[in-house]
Protein backbone atom coordinates (compact mmCIF):
# COMPACT_ATOMS: atom_id res chain seq x y z
CA MET A 1 0.00 0.00 0.00
CA ARG A 2 2.39 2.62 -1.25
CA THR A 3 1.36 4.01 -4.59
CA VAL A 4 -1.07 6.82 -5.36
CA ASP A 5 -2.24 6.90 -8.99
CA ARG A 6 -2.48 10.27 -10.68
CA LEU A 7 -4.31 10.28 -14.00
CA PHE A 8 -4.51 12.88 -16.75
CA VAL A 9 -6.47 12.34 -19.96
CA SER A 10 -4.79 14.28 -22.74
CA GLN A 11 -7.03 12.99 -25.54
CA GLY A 12 -10.46 11.44 -25.61
CA ASN A 13 -13.40 11.21 -23.27
CA LEU A 14 -13.39 8.76 -20.35
CA LYS A 15 -15.48 7.73 -17.41
CA ALA A 16 -13.47 6.85 -14.31
CA VAL A 17 -15.33 4.79 -11.74
CA LEU A 18 -13.97 4.92 -8.20
CA TYR A 19 -14.91 2.58 -5.35
CA ASP A 20 -13.65 3.31 -1.86
CA GLY A 21 -12.39 0.05 -0.37
CA ARG A 22 -10.74 1.69 2.66
CA GLU A 23 -12.54 0.39 5.74
CA ASP A 24 -11.46 3.35 7.89
CA SER A 25 -12.69 5.94 5.37
CA PRO A 26 -15.89 7.99 5.85
CA THR A 27 -16.74 7.18 2.21
CA TYR A 28 -16.09 3.42 2.56
CA GLY A 29 -18.21 1.41 0.13
CA MET A 30 -19.22 4.41 -1.98
CA VAL A 31 -18.98 4.55 -5.78
CA ASN A 32 -18.26 7.72 -7.72
CA GLU A 33 -18.24 8.35 -11.47
CA VAL A 34 -15.90 11.04 -12.78
CA TYR A 35 -16.00 12.18 -16.41
CA ILE A 36 -12.66 13.42 -17.72
CA GLY A 37 -11.11 14.23 -21.08
CA ASP A 38 -11.54 16.68 -23.93
CA PRO A 39 -14.83 18.24 -22.75
CA ARG A 40 -13.67 18.30 -19.11
CA PRO A 41 -9.87 18.15 -18.65
CA ALA A 42 -8.85 17.04 -15.19
CA PHE A 43 -5.95 15.68 -13.19
CA VAL A 44 -7.39 12.96 -10.94
CA VAL A 45 -5.54 11.81 -7.82
CA ILE A 46 -6.65 8.35 -6.69
CA PRO A 47 -5.74 7.54 -3.08
CA ILE A 48 -4.35 4.23 -1.92
CA GLY A 49 -7.15 1.72 -1.40
CA VAL A 50 -9.59 3.22 -3.91
CA TRP A 51 -10.44 0.76 -6.66
CA HIS A 52 -10.71 2.39 -10.08
CA GLY A 53 -11.52 1.52 -13.65
CA LEU A 54 -11.74 3.48 -16.90
CA GLN A 55 -14.18 3.31 -19.80
CA ASN A 56 -13.65 5.08 -23.11
CA LEU A 57 -16.83 6.96 -23.99
CA GLY A 58 -15.54 8.50 -27.19
CA THR A 59 -15.19 7.41 -30.77
CA ILE A 60 -11.39 7.79 -30.82
CA ASP A 61 -8.68 6.19 -28.73
CA ALA A 62 -8.09 7.94 -25.43
CA LEU A 63 -4.62 8.86 -24.24
CA VAL A 64 -4.20 8.53 -20.47
CA LEU A 65 -1.11 9.50 -18.57
CA ASN A 66 -0.72 7.67 -15.27
CA LEU A 67 1.85 9.31 -13.04
CA PRO A 68 2.09 6.97 -10.03
CA THR A 69 3.97 8.18 -6.99
CA GLU A 70 6.20 5.08 -7.17
CA ALA A 71 7.33 2.86 -10.03
CA TYR A 72 5.86 -0.64 -10.14
CA ASN A 73 7.92 -3.05 -8.05
CA TYR A 74 7.87 -6.51 -9.67
CA LYS A 75 9.52 -8.14 -6.62
CA ASP A 76 7.04 -6.63 -4.15
CA PRO A 77 3.88 -5.62 -6.07
CA ASP A 78 1.25 -3.46 -4.44
CA HIS A 79 -1.39 -3.52 -7.20
CA TRP A 80 -4.33 -5.90 -7.48
CA ARG A 81 -6.85 -6.29 -10.27
CA LEU A 82 -10.42 -7.49 -10.45
CA PRO A 83 -12.55 -8.20 -13.52
CA TYR A 84 -14.83 -5.32 -14.48
CA ASP A 85 -17.94 -7.34 -13.58
CA THR A 86 -16.82 -8.47 -10.13
CA ALA A 87 -19.47 -8.92 -7.45
CA GLU A 88 -17.07 -7.36 -4.92
CA ILE A 89 -17.84 -3.85 -6.18
CA PRO A 90 -21.45 -2.63 -6.45
CA TYR A 91 -21.25 -1.16 -9.94
CA LYS A 92 -22.58 -2.23 -13.34
CA TRP A 93 -20.72 -0.89 -16.36
CA SER A 94 -22.86 0.34 -19.24
CA GLY A 95 -22.24 -0.54 -22.85
CA SER A 96 -19.32 -2.72 -23.81
CA ALA A 97 -16.98 -1.93 -20.97
CA VAL A 98 -13.64 -3.67 -21.00
CA ALA A 99 -12.17 -1.82 -18.05
CA ARG A 100 -10.40 -3.61 -15.23
CA LEU A 101 -10.59 -2.39 -11.71
CA ARG A 102 -7.39 -1.97 -9.74
CA ALA A 103 -6.32 -0.69 -6.37
CA ASP A 104 -3.20 -0.45 -4.31
CA ALA A 105 -4.74 -2.06 -1.26
CA ARG A 106 -7.06 -4.91 -0.68
């Protein structure tokens, strides 16, 4: 549990879905949708323990810059992934989502 993800969408239109998996958080268990990209540029900071997935809403490829606070450590990884349709997170993706959810804590 070391890495904070920082995302910037420099091209395209995305939906970021965030799920707070931090048991000690006042927003534990809550889901939030954030729309970012060409119509609404944003730099999104995703705290440790918040699961997140991305869905491209546009008709062109999106370009996402992820600026994590630490490089990925292959010997001691701190990222986990779940399939987009997991029952562990109370969210149903619309359309043909192919996003994967990930977090730095589980």
